[in-house]
N, C-alpha and C. Protein backbone atom coordinates (compact mmCIF):
# COMPACT_ATOMS: atom_id res chain seq x y z
N MET A 1 38.01 -36.53 -18.22
CA MET A 1 37.20 -37.02 -17.11
C MET A 1 35.71 -36.84 -17.39
N GLU A 2 35.37 -35.72 -18.04
CA GLU A 2 33.96 -35.44 -18.34
C GLU A 2 33.34 -36.56 -19.17
N ASP A 3 34.07 -37.06 -20.20
CA ASP A 3 33.54 -38.14 -21.03
C ASP A 3 33.26 -39.39 -20.21
N ILE A 4 34.13 -39.72 -19.28
CA ILE A 4 33.94 -40.91 -18.44
C ILE A 4 32.67 -40.77 -17.61
N GLN A 5 32.44 -39.60 -17.05
CA GLN A 5 31.23 -39.38 -16.25
C GLN A 5 29.98 -39.43 -17.11
N HIS A 6 30.04 -38.80 -18.28
CA HIS A 6 28.90 -38.85 -19.20
C HIS A 6 28.61 -40.29 -19.60
N ASN A 7 29.64 -41.04 -19.96
CA ASN A 7 29.46 -42.42 -20.39
C ASN A 7 28.89 -43.28 -19.27
N ALA A 8 29.37 -43.06 -18.05
CA ALA A 8 28.84 -43.82 -16.91
C ALA A 8 27.37 -43.50 -16.69
N LEU A 9 27.00 -42.25 -16.84
CA LEU A 9 25.60 -41.86 -16.67
C LEU A 9 24.74 -42.50 -17.75
N LEU A 10 25.22 -42.53 -18.98
CA LEU A 10 24.47 -43.16 -20.06
C LEU A 10 24.26 -44.65 -19.79
N ARG A 11 25.29 -45.34 -19.33
CA ARG A 11 25.14 -46.77 -19.01
C ARG A 11 24.14 -46.95 -17.87
N MET A 12 24.18 -46.03 -16.91
CA MET A 12 23.24 -46.12 -15.80
C MET A 12 21.79 -45.98 -16.31
N ILE A 13 21.57 -45.03 -17.20
CA ILE A 13 20.23 -44.84 -17.77
C ILE A 13 19.79 -46.11 -18.50
N VAL A 14 20.65 -46.65 -19.35
CA VAL A 14 20.32 -47.85 -20.11
C VAL A 14 19.98 -49.01 -19.17
N ASP A 15 20.82 -49.18 -18.16
CA ASP A 15 20.61 -50.30 -17.23
C ASP A 15 19.41 -50.10 -16.33
N PHE A 16 19.27 -48.90 -15.74
CA PHE A 16 18.18 -48.64 -14.80
C PHE A 16 16.82 -48.77 -15.47
N TYR A 17 16.69 -48.20 -16.67
CA TYR A 17 15.41 -48.23 -17.38
C TYR A 17 15.26 -49.47 -18.26
N LYS A 18 16.26 -50.36 -18.22
CA LYS A 18 16.22 -51.60 -19.00
C LYS A 18 15.92 -51.32 -20.48
N LEU A 19 16.67 -50.38 -21.04
CA LEU A 19 16.42 -49.94 -22.40
C LEU A 19 17.10 -50.79 -23.47
N ASP A 20 18.17 -51.48 -23.13
CA ASP A 20 18.89 -52.27 -24.13
C ASP A 20 18.44 -53.72 -24.06
N GLN A 21 17.71 -54.12 -25.07
CA GLN A 21 17.24 -55.50 -25.14
C GLN A 21 18.11 -56.34 -26.06
N THR A 22 19.18 -55.74 -26.61
CA THR A 22 20.00 -56.44 -27.58
C THR A 22 21.37 -56.83 -27.05
N ASP A 23 21.85 -56.14 -26.03
CA ASP A 23 23.20 -56.34 -25.51
C ASP A 23 24.27 -56.15 -26.58
N LEU A 24 23.97 -55.41 -27.61
CA LEU A 24 24.91 -55.21 -28.70
C LEU A 24 25.27 -53.75 -28.95
N ILE A 25 24.93 -52.87 -28.04
CA ILE A 25 25.14 -51.46 -28.34
C ILE A 25 26.36 -50.91 -27.64
N ASP A 26 26.86 -49.84 -28.21
CA ASP A 26 27.88 -49.01 -27.58
C ASP A 26 27.25 -47.64 -27.47
N ILE A 27 27.16 -47.12 -26.28
CA ILE A 27 26.57 -45.80 -26.08
C ILE A 27 27.60 -44.92 -25.40
N SER A 28 27.76 -43.72 -25.94
CA SER A 28 28.78 -42.84 -25.38
C SER A 28 28.45 -41.37 -25.65
N TYR A 29 29.12 -40.54 -24.90
CA TYR A 29 29.06 -39.09 -25.08
C TYR A 29 29.99 -38.73 -26.23
N ASP A 30 29.54 -37.82 -27.10
CA ASP A 30 30.37 -37.38 -28.22
C ASP A 30 30.28 -35.87 -28.34
N ALA A 31 31.30 -35.20 -27.85
CA ALA A 31 31.33 -33.74 -27.85
C ALA A 31 31.41 -33.15 -29.25
N SER A 32 31.72 -33.96 -30.25
CA SER A 32 31.87 -33.44 -31.61
C SER A 32 30.54 -33.28 -32.34
N ILE A 33 29.46 -33.83 -31.81
CA ILE A 33 28.15 -33.73 -32.47
C ILE A 33 27.56 -32.35 -32.18
N THR A 34 27.16 -31.68 -33.23
CA THR A 34 26.49 -30.38 -33.09
C THR A 34 25.17 -30.42 -33.84
N GLY A 35 24.19 -29.70 -33.33
CA GLY A 35 22.91 -29.57 -34.02
C GLY A 35 21.89 -30.65 -33.74
N ASP A 36 22.27 -31.74 -33.12
CA ASP A 36 21.36 -32.84 -32.82
C ASP A 36 21.55 -33.27 -31.37
N ASN A 37 20.51 -33.88 -30.80
CA ASN A 37 20.63 -34.46 -29.46
C ASN A 37 21.51 -35.70 -29.46
N ALA A 38 21.44 -36.47 -30.55
CA ALA A 38 22.15 -37.75 -30.60
C ALA A 38 22.23 -38.24 -32.04
N ARG A 39 23.07 -39.24 -32.21
CA ARG A 39 23.18 -39.93 -33.50
C ARG A 39 23.33 -41.41 -33.23
N THR A 40 22.79 -42.21 -34.13
CA THR A 40 22.93 -43.66 -34.04
C THR A 40 23.49 -44.16 -35.35
N ASP A 41 24.60 -44.85 -35.25
CA ASP A 41 25.22 -45.50 -36.40
C ASP A 41 24.87 -46.97 -36.29
N ASN A 42 24.13 -47.47 -37.26
CA ASN A 42 23.63 -48.85 -37.19
C ASN A 42 24.39 -49.77 -38.13
N ILE A 43 24.67 -50.93 -37.63
CA ILE A 43 25.20 -52.02 -38.43
C ILE A 43 24.23 -53.16 -38.18
N ALA A 44 23.47 -53.52 -39.19
CA ALA A 44 22.34 -54.45 -39.01
C ALA A 44 22.73 -55.77 -38.36
N ASP A 45 23.87 -56.31 -38.71
CA ASP A 45 24.23 -57.62 -38.15
C ASP A 45 25.41 -57.53 -37.19
N GLY A 46 25.58 -56.38 -36.57
CA GLY A 46 26.65 -56.20 -35.60
C GLY A 46 26.31 -55.08 -34.64
N PRO A 47 27.28 -54.66 -33.87
CA PRO A 47 27.01 -53.62 -32.88
C PRO A 47 26.58 -52.30 -33.52
N SER A 48 25.75 -51.57 -32.82
CA SER A 48 25.37 -50.23 -33.21
C SER A 48 26.00 -49.28 -32.20
N LYS A 49 26.28 -48.10 -32.66
CA LYS A 49 26.89 -47.10 -31.79
C LYS A 49 25.93 -45.93 -31.64
N VAL A 50 25.55 -45.65 -30.40
CA VAL A 50 24.70 -44.51 -30.08
C VAL A 50 25.60 -43.45 -29.45
N ARG A 51 25.51 -42.24 -29.98
CA ARG A 51 26.33 -41.14 -29.47
C ARG A 51 25.42 -39.99 -29.04
N ILE A 52 25.57 -39.56 -27.80
CA ILE A 52 24.76 -38.47 -27.26
C ILE A 52 25.62 -37.19 -27.25
N SER A 53 25.04 -36.12 -27.74
CA SER A 53 25.76 -34.86 -27.91
C SER A 53 25.69 -33.98 -26.67
N PRO A 54 26.47 -32.90 -26.65
CA PRO A 54 26.35 -31.93 -25.57
C PRO A 54 24.93 -31.35 -25.48
N ILE A 55 24.28 -31.16 -26.62
CA ILE A 55 22.89 -30.67 -26.63
C ILE A 55 21.99 -31.68 -25.93
N GLY A 56 22.21 -32.96 -26.21
CA GLY A 56 21.43 -34.02 -25.56
C GLY A 56 21.59 -34.00 -24.06
N PHE A 57 22.82 -33.76 -23.61
CA PHE A 57 23.08 -33.72 -22.17
C PHE A 57 22.58 -32.44 -21.52
N ALA A 58 22.32 -31.41 -22.29
CA ALA A 58 21.84 -30.14 -21.72
C ALA A 58 20.34 -30.18 -21.43
N GLN A 59 19.66 -31.24 -21.83
CA GLN A 59 18.23 -31.39 -21.61
C GLN A 59 17.94 -31.72 -20.14
N SER A 60 16.66 -31.69 -19.80
CA SER A 60 16.24 -32.16 -18.48
C SER A 60 16.51 -33.67 -18.39
N TRP A 61 16.47 -34.20 -17.17
CA TRP A 61 16.69 -35.64 -16.97
C TRP A 61 15.71 -36.46 -17.80
N GLU A 62 14.42 -36.11 -17.73
CA GLU A 62 13.41 -36.85 -18.47
C GLU A 62 13.70 -36.84 -19.97
N GLU A 63 14.07 -35.68 -20.48
CA GLU A 63 14.36 -35.57 -21.91
C GLU A 63 15.59 -36.39 -22.30
N LEU A 64 16.61 -36.40 -21.45
CA LEU A 64 17.80 -37.20 -21.73
C LEU A 64 17.43 -38.69 -21.77
N VAL A 65 16.66 -39.14 -20.81
CA VAL A 65 16.24 -40.54 -20.79
C VAL A 65 15.44 -40.86 -22.06
N HIS A 66 14.55 -39.96 -22.45
CA HIS A 66 13.75 -40.18 -23.66
C HIS A 66 14.63 -40.19 -24.91
N THR A 67 15.64 -39.34 -24.95
CA THR A 67 16.56 -39.32 -26.09
C THR A 67 17.29 -40.66 -26.20
N VAL A 68 17.77 -41.18 -25.08
CA VAL A 68 18.45 -42.48 -25.08
C VAL A 68 17.49 -43.56 -25.56
N ALA A 69 16.25 -43.57 -25.04
CA ALA A 69 15.27 -44.58 -25.45
C ALA A 69 14.96 -44.46 -26.94
N HIS A 70 14.84 -43.24 -27.44
CA HIS A 70 14.57 -42.98 -28.86
C HIS A 70 15.68 -43.59 -29.72
N GLU A 71 16.91 -43.33 -29.34
CA GLU A 71 18.05 -43.84 -30.13
C GLU A 71 18.14 -45.36 -30.06
N LEU A 72 17.85 -45.93 -28.89
CA LEU A 72 17.89 -47.39 -28.78
C LEU A 72 16.76 -48.03 -29.58
N GLU A 73 15.67 -47.29 -29.78
CA GLU A 73 14.61 -47.78 -30.66
C GLU A 73 15.15 -47.90 -32.08
N HIS A 74 16.02 -46.97 -32.49
CA HIS A 74 16.63 -47.08 -33.82
C HIS A 74 17.50 -48.33 -33.92
N VAL A 75 18.19 -48.69 -32.85
CA VAL A 75 18.98 -49.91 -32.84
C VAL A 75 18.06 -51.12 -33.03
N ARG A 76 16.95 -51.15 -32.29
CA ARG A 76 15.99 -52.25 -32.42
C ARG A 76 15.45 -52.33 -33.84
N GLN A 77 15.13 -51.17 -34.40
CA GLN A 77 14.59 -51.13 -35.76
C GLN A 77 15.56 -51.74 -36.76
N THR A 78 16.83 -51.44 -36.60
CA THR A 78 17.84 -52.00 -37.50
C THR A 78 17.87 -53.51 -37.39
N ARG A 79 17.74 -54.02 -36.18
CA ARG A 79 17.79 -55.47 -35.96
C ARG A 79 16.62 -56.19 -36.63
N VAL A 80 15.46 -55.53 -36.71
CA VAL A 80 14.29 -56.19 -37.29
C VAL A 80 13.99 -55.73 -38.71
N GLY A 81 14.86 -54.89 -39.28
CA GLY A 81 14.73 -54.51 -40.68
C GLY A 81 13.77 -53.39 -41.00
N VAL A 82 13.48 -52.52 -40.04
CA VAL A 82 12.62 -51.37 -40.32
C VAL A 82 13.40 -50.39 -41.19
N THR A 83 12.80 -50.00 -42.30
CA THR A 83 13.45 -49.05 -43.19
C THR A 83 12.55 -47.84 -43.37
N GLY A 84 13.06 -46.85 -43.99
CA GLY A 84 12.31 -45.63 -44.23
C GLY A 84 12.51 -44.63 -43.11
N LYS A 85 13.13 -43.52 -43.42
CA LYS A 85 13.47 -42.52 -42.40
C LYS A 85 12.25 -42.01 -41.64
N ASN A 86 11.16 -41.73 -42.34
CA ASN A 86 9.97 -41.21 -41.66
C ASN A 86 9.39 -42.24 -40.69
N VAL A 87 9.36 -43.50 -41.10
CA VAL A 87 8.87 -44.57 -40.22
C VAL A 87 9.78 -44.69 -39.01
N ARG A 88 11.08 -44.73 -39.24
CA ARG A 88 12.04 -44.90 -38.15
C ARG A 88 11.91 -43.76 -37.13
N GLU A 89 11.82 -42.55 -37.60
CA GLU A 89 11.73 -41.41 -36.68
C GLU A 89 10.37 -41.36 -36.00
N PHE A 90 9.30 -41.70 -36.72
CA PHE A 90 7.98 -41.76 -36.09
C PHE A 90 8.00 -42.76 -34.94
N LEU A 91 8.56 -43.94 -35.18
CA LEU A 91 8.61 -44.97 -34.13
C LEU A 91 9.49 -44.54 -32.96
N GLY A 92 10.54 -43.77 -33.25
CA GLY A 92 11.37 -43.21 -32.17
C GLY A 92 10.59 -42.22 -31.34
N GLU A 93 9.83 -41.36 -31.99
CA GLU A 93 8.99 -40.40 -31.25
C GLU A 93 7.91 -41.14 -30.46
N ARG A 94 7.39 -42.21 -31.03
CA ARG A 94 6.37 -43.02 -30.34
C ARG A 94 6.89 -43.51 -28.99
N ILE A 95 8.13 -43.97 -28.96
CA ILE A 95 8.73 -44.43 -27.71
C ILE A 95 8.70 -43.31 -26.67
N GLU A 96 9.05 -42.12 -27.09
CA GLU A 96 9.05 -40.98 -26.17
C GLU A 96 7.64 -40.61 -25.72
N ILE A 97 6.70 -40.61 -26.64
CA ILE A 97 5.33 -40.22 -26.33
C ILE A 97 4.69 -41.20 -25.36
N LEU A 98 4.87 -42.49 -25.60
CA LEU A 98 4.25 -43.49 -24.73
C LEU A 98 4.92 -43.56 -23.36
N SER A 99 6.20 -43.26 -23.29
CA SER A 99 6.94 -43.19 -22.02
C SER A 99 6.83 -44.46 -21.18
N LYS A 100 6.70 -45.60 -21.80
CA LYS A 100 6.58 -46.85 -21.04
C LYS A 100 7.85 -47.10 -20.24
N GLY A 101 7.69 -47.26 -18.94
CA GLY A 101 8.82 -47.52 -18.07
C GLY A 101 9.70 -46.33 -17.79
N MET A 102 9.29 -45.14 -18.25
CA MET A 102 10.08 -43.92 -18.06
C MET A 102 9.19 -42.83 -17.48
N MET A 103 9.81 -41.83 -16.91
CA MET A 103 9.07 -40.66 -16.47
C MET A 103 8.58 -39.90 -17.71
N GLU A 104 7.43 -39.28 -17.59
CA GLU A 104 6.94 -38.48 -18.71
C GLU A 104 7.69 -37.16 -18.76
N GLU A 105 7.81 -36.64 -19.95
CA GLU A 105 8.39 -35.31 -20.13
C GLU A 105 7.35 -34.27 -19.70
N TYR A 106 7.83 -33.08 -19.39
CA TYR A 106 6.91 -31.98 -19.12
C TYR A 106 6.06 -31.76 -20.37
N PHE A 107 4.92 -31.09 -20.25
CA PHE A 107 3.97 -31.00 -21.35
C PHE A 107 4.57 -30.35 -22.60
N GLY A 108 5.42 -29.34 -22.42
CA GLY A 108 6.05 -28.68 -23.57
C GLY A 108 6.91 -29.64 -24.37
N GLY A 109 7.69 -30.48 -23.69
CA GLY A 109 8.50 -31.48 -24.37
C GLY A 109 7.63 -32.52 -25.06
N PHE A 110 6.56 -32.90 -24.40
CA PHE A 110 5.60 -33.84 -24.97
C PHE A 110 5.01 -33.24 -26.26
N ALA A 111 4.64 -31.96 -26.20
CA ALA A 111 4.06 -31.29 -27.37
C ALA A 111 5.05 -31.27 -28.53
N ASP A 112 6.32 -31.06 -28.24
CA ASP A 112 7.34 -31.10 -29.30
C ASP A 112 7.38 -32.48 -29.95
N ASP A 113 7.32 -33.52 -29.12
CA ASP A 113 7.36 -34.90 -29.63
C ASP A 113 6.15 -35.21 -30.49
N ILE A 114 4.96 -34.81 -30.03
CA ILE A 114 3.76 -35.15 -30.81
C ILE A 114 3.68 -34.33 -32.09
N ALA A 115 4.22 -33.11 -32.07
CA ALA A 115 4.25 -32.31 -33.31
C ALA A 115 5.15 -32.98 -34.34
N ARG A 116 6.31 -33.42 -33.90
CA ARG A 116 7.24 -34.08 -34.81
C ARG A 116 6.65 -35.40 -35.31
N ALA A 117 6.04 -36.18 -34.41
CA ALA A 117 5.46 -37.46 -34.81
C ALA A 117 4.34 -37.26 -35.84
N LEU A 118 3.52 -36.25 -35.64
CA LEU A 118 2.43 -35.97 -36.58
C LEU A 118 2.98 -35.59 -37.95
N GLU A 119 4.00 -34.76 -37.96
CA GLU A 119 4.65 -34.36 -39.21
C GLU A 119 5.24 -35.58 -39.92
N LEU A 120 5.90 -36.43 -39.16
CA LEU A 120 6.50 -37.64 -39.74
C LEU A 120 5.43 -38.59 -40.27
N TRP A 121 4.32 -38.72 -39.52
CA TRP A 121 3.22 -39.58 -39.96
C TRP A 121 2.69 -39.11 -41.31
N LYS A 122 2.48 -37.83 -41.43
CA LYS A 122 1.94 -37.28 -42.68
C LYS A 122 2.90 -37.44 -43.84
N ALA A 123 4.20 -37.54 -43.56
CA ALA A 123 5.21 -37.70 -44.61
C ALA A 123 5.38 -39.16 -45.04
N MET A 124 4.80 -40.09 -44.28
CA MET A 124 4.91 -41.51 -44.62
C MET A 124 4.02 -41.84 -45.81
N THR A 125 4.39 -42.88 -46.53
CA THR A 125 3.55 -43.33 -47.64
C THR A 125 2.28 -43.97 -47.09
N GLN A 126 1.27 -44.13 -47.93
CA GLN A 126 0.04 -44.79 -47.48
C GLN A 126 0.31 -46.22 -47.04
N ALA A 127 1.19 -46.90 -47.74
CA ALA A 127 1.53 -48.28 -47.36
C ALA A 127 2.19 -48.31 -45.98
N GLU A 128 3.08 -47.37 -45.72
CA GLU A 128 3.73 -47.29 -44.40
C GLU A 128 2.70 -46.98 -43.32
N GLN A 129 1.80 -46.06 -43.63
CA GLN A 129 0.76 -45.71 -42.66
C GLN A 129 -0.13 -46.91 -42.35
N ARG A 130 -0.52 -47.66 -43.36
CA ARG A 130 -1.35 -48.85 -43.12
C ARG A 130 -0.62 -49.84 -42.22
N LYS A 131 0.65 -50.03 -42.49
CA LYS A 131 1.45 -50.99 -41.72
C LYS A 131 1.60 -50.56 -40.26
N HIS A 132 1.63 -49.27 -40.00
CA HIS A 132 1.90 -48.76 -38.66
C HIS A 132 0.68 -48.09 -38.02
N TRP A 133 -0.50 -48.38 -38.55
CA TRP A 133 -1.72 -47.76 -38.02
C TRP A 133 -1.91 -48.02 -36.53
N THR A 134 -1.64 -49.22 -36.07
CA THR A 134 -1.78 -49.56 -34.65
C THR A 134 -0.87 -48.67 -33.80
N HIS A 135 0.33 -48.41 -34.29
CA HIS A 135 1.25 -47.53 -33.57
C HIS A 135 0.69 -46.11 -33.50
N LEU A 136 0.09 -45.66 -34.59
CA LEU A 136 -0.52 -44.33 -34.59
C LEU A 136 -1.67 -44.27 -33.58
N GLU A 137 -2.47 -45.31 -33.52
CA GLU A 137 -3.58 -45.34 -32.56
C GLU A 137 -3.06 -45.27 -31.12
N GLN A 138 -1.98 -45.95 -30.83
CA GLN A 138 -1.38 -45.87 -29.49
C GLN A 138 -0.95 -44.44 -29.17
N VAL A 139 -0.31 -43.82 -30.14
CA VAL A 139 0.14 -42.44 -29.96
C VAL A 139 -1.06 -41.52 -29.77
N ARG A 140 -2.06 -41.66 -30.64
CA ARG A 140 -3.24 -40.79 -30.56
C ARG A 140 -3.95 -40.94 -29.21
N ASN A 141 -4.06 -42.16 -28.72
CA ASN A 141 -4.69 -42.38 -27.41
C ASN A 141 -3.91 -41.69 -26.30
N ARG A 142 -2.58 -41.75 -26.38
CA ARG A 142 -1.74 -41.09 -25.37
C ARG A 142 -1.87 -39.58 -25.49
N VAL A 143 -1.93 -39.07 -26.72
CA VAL A 143 -2.12 -37.62 -26.94
C VAL A 143 -3.42 -37.17 -26.30
N ARG A 144 -4.48 -37.90 -26.55
CA ARG A 144 -5.79 -37.55 -25.99
C ARG A 144 -5.75 -37.55 -24.46
N ALA A 145 -5.11 -38.56 -23.87
CA ALA A 145 -5.03 -38.66 -22.41
C ALA A 145 -4.21 -37.52 -21.82
N ARG A 146 -3.07 -37.21 -22.42
CA ARG A 146 -2.24 -36.11 -21.89
C ARG A 146 -2.95 -34.77 -22.04
N PHE A 147 -3.67 -34.57 -23.15
CA PHE A 147 -4.41 -33.32 -23.33
C PHE A 147 -5.52 -33.21 -22.30
N ALA A 148 -6.19 -34.31 -22.03
CA ALA A 148 -7.28 -34.30 -21.06
C ALA A 148 -6.77 -33.95 -19.66
N ALA A 149 -5.54 -34.35 -19.35
CA ALA A 149 -4.97 -34.10 -18.02
C ALA A 149 -4.24 -32.76 -17.93
N ALA A 150 -3.98 -32.13 -19.07
CA ALA A 150 -3.22 -30.88 -19.09
C ALA A 150 -4.09 -29.68 -18.70
N SER A 151 -3.43 -28.66 -18.24
CA SER A 151 -4.15 -27.43 -17.91
C SER A 151 -4.55 -26.70 -19.20
N GLU A 152 -5.50 -25.81 -19.07
CA GLU A 152 -5.95 -25.02 -20.22
C GLU A 152 -4.78 -24.21 -20.79
N GLU A 153 -3.93 -23.70 -19.92
CA GLU A 153 -2.77 -22.93 -20.36
C GLU A 153 -1.82 -23.80 -21.18
N GLU A 154 -1.59 -25.03 -20.73
CA GLU A 154 -0.69 -25.92 -21.45
C GLU A 154 -1.24 -26.26 -22.84
N ARG A 155 -2.53 -26.47 -22.91
CA ARG A 155 -3.16 -26.88 -24.18
C ARG A 155 -3.32 -25.73 -25.16
N ALA A 156 -3.38 -24.52 -24.68
CA ALA A 156 -3.76 -23.37 -25.51
C ALA A 156 -2.97 -23.24 -26.81
N ASP A 157 -1.66 -23.28 -26.74
CA ASP A 157 -0.84 -23.05 -27.93
C ASP A 157 -0.70 -24.27 -28.83
N VAL A 158 -1.10 -25.44 -28.34
CA VAL A 158 -0.89 -26.66 -29.12
C VAL A 158 -2.19 -27.43 -29.38
N ALA A 159 -3.32 -26.79 -29.21
CA ALA A 159 -4.61 -27.46 -29.43
C ALA A 159 -4.73 -27.99 -30.86
N HIS A 160 -4.07 -27.31 -31.81
CA HIS A 160 -4.10 -27.76 -33.21
C HIS A 160 -3.51 -29.16 -33.38
N LEU A 161 -2.61 -29.54 -32.47
CA LEU A 161 -2.02 -30.89 -32.56
C LEU A 161 -3.06 -31.96 -32.25
N LEU A 162 -3.85 -31.74 -31.22
CA LEU A 162 -4.92 -32.68 -30.89
C LEU A 162 -5.90 -32.76 -32.07
N THR A 163 -6.24 -31.63 -32.63
CA THR A 163 -7.13 -31.59 -33.79
C THR A 163 -6.52 -32.40 -34.94
N GLY A 164 -5.22 -32.24 -35.14
CA GLY A 164 -4.53 -32.97 -36.21
C GLY A 164 -4.59 -34.47 -36.00
N TYR A 165 -4.36 -34.92 -34.76
CA TYR A 165 -4.43 -36.36 -34.49
C TYR A 165 -5.86 -36.87 -34.64
N ASN A 166 -6.84 -36.11 -34.17
CA ASN A 166 -8.23 -36.54 -34.27
C ASN A 166 -8.71 -36.62 -35.72
N ALA A 167 -8.08 -35.86 -36.60
CA ALA A 167 -8.50 -35.84 -38.01
C ALA A 167 -7.94 -37.03 -38.81
N LEU A 168 -6.98 -37.74 -38.25
CA LEU A 168 -6.38 -38.86 -38.99
C LEU A 168 -7.35 -40.02 -39.11
N ALA A 169 -7.42 -40.57 -40.31
CA ALA A 169 -8.31 -41.69 -40.56
C ALA A 169 -7.53 -42.80 -41.26
N LYS A 170 -7.91 -44.02 -40.97
CA LYS A 170 -7.24 -45.17 -41.57
C LYS A 170 -7.52 -45.19 -43.06
N SER A 171 -6.47 -45.37 -43.85
CA SER A 171 -6.66 -45.38 -45.31
C SER A 171 -6.73 -46.78 -45.85
C-alpha cells in the first residue's frame, strides 16, 4: 500500500507543478535505492524511468518537489542529447536553484544546491562552460539575490560560495 501512496504523490507533484513536458516518463517510489535521493534511467528514444528513494521521500516537501524536477530535467536532457555527467548534474541543480514554478527550498537546502552546482561547474571542460555560460549567469544571479535576502546568520557559513560564484569569469 505504501508504494501506491508514494506513486500517487509523485504523480500529483508532476501534474500539479507541470513538470513533465514529454508525457513519456514513468515515475515511481523505489524502496531498493540506497544512498541517493533518486535515480533516472534514460532511454533516449523511448520512456525514461524516474525512481525516488526512501531518502528522497524523507526530505521536506520543497526538497522532494525539487528532487522530482531535477530528475525530470535529466529526462529532458536525454531527449535533446545533452551529454556529460557534470553538465547534466549542473543543469539539474540549476532547475532546483532557479525554482521556477516551485516553492524555494530553505536557505540551507539552497546552499547545498549551489555548492554542488559550483563544484560541477568547475569540473566541466572549458568548451562545456562556454556552451552553458548563460545558464551559469542565471544561477549566479539567483545566488546573489538569495544571499541579499538571507539573514547574516544564514550567510555566515556559506559566504565562500557567493565569493566562488562572483569569481567566475567567461573563458
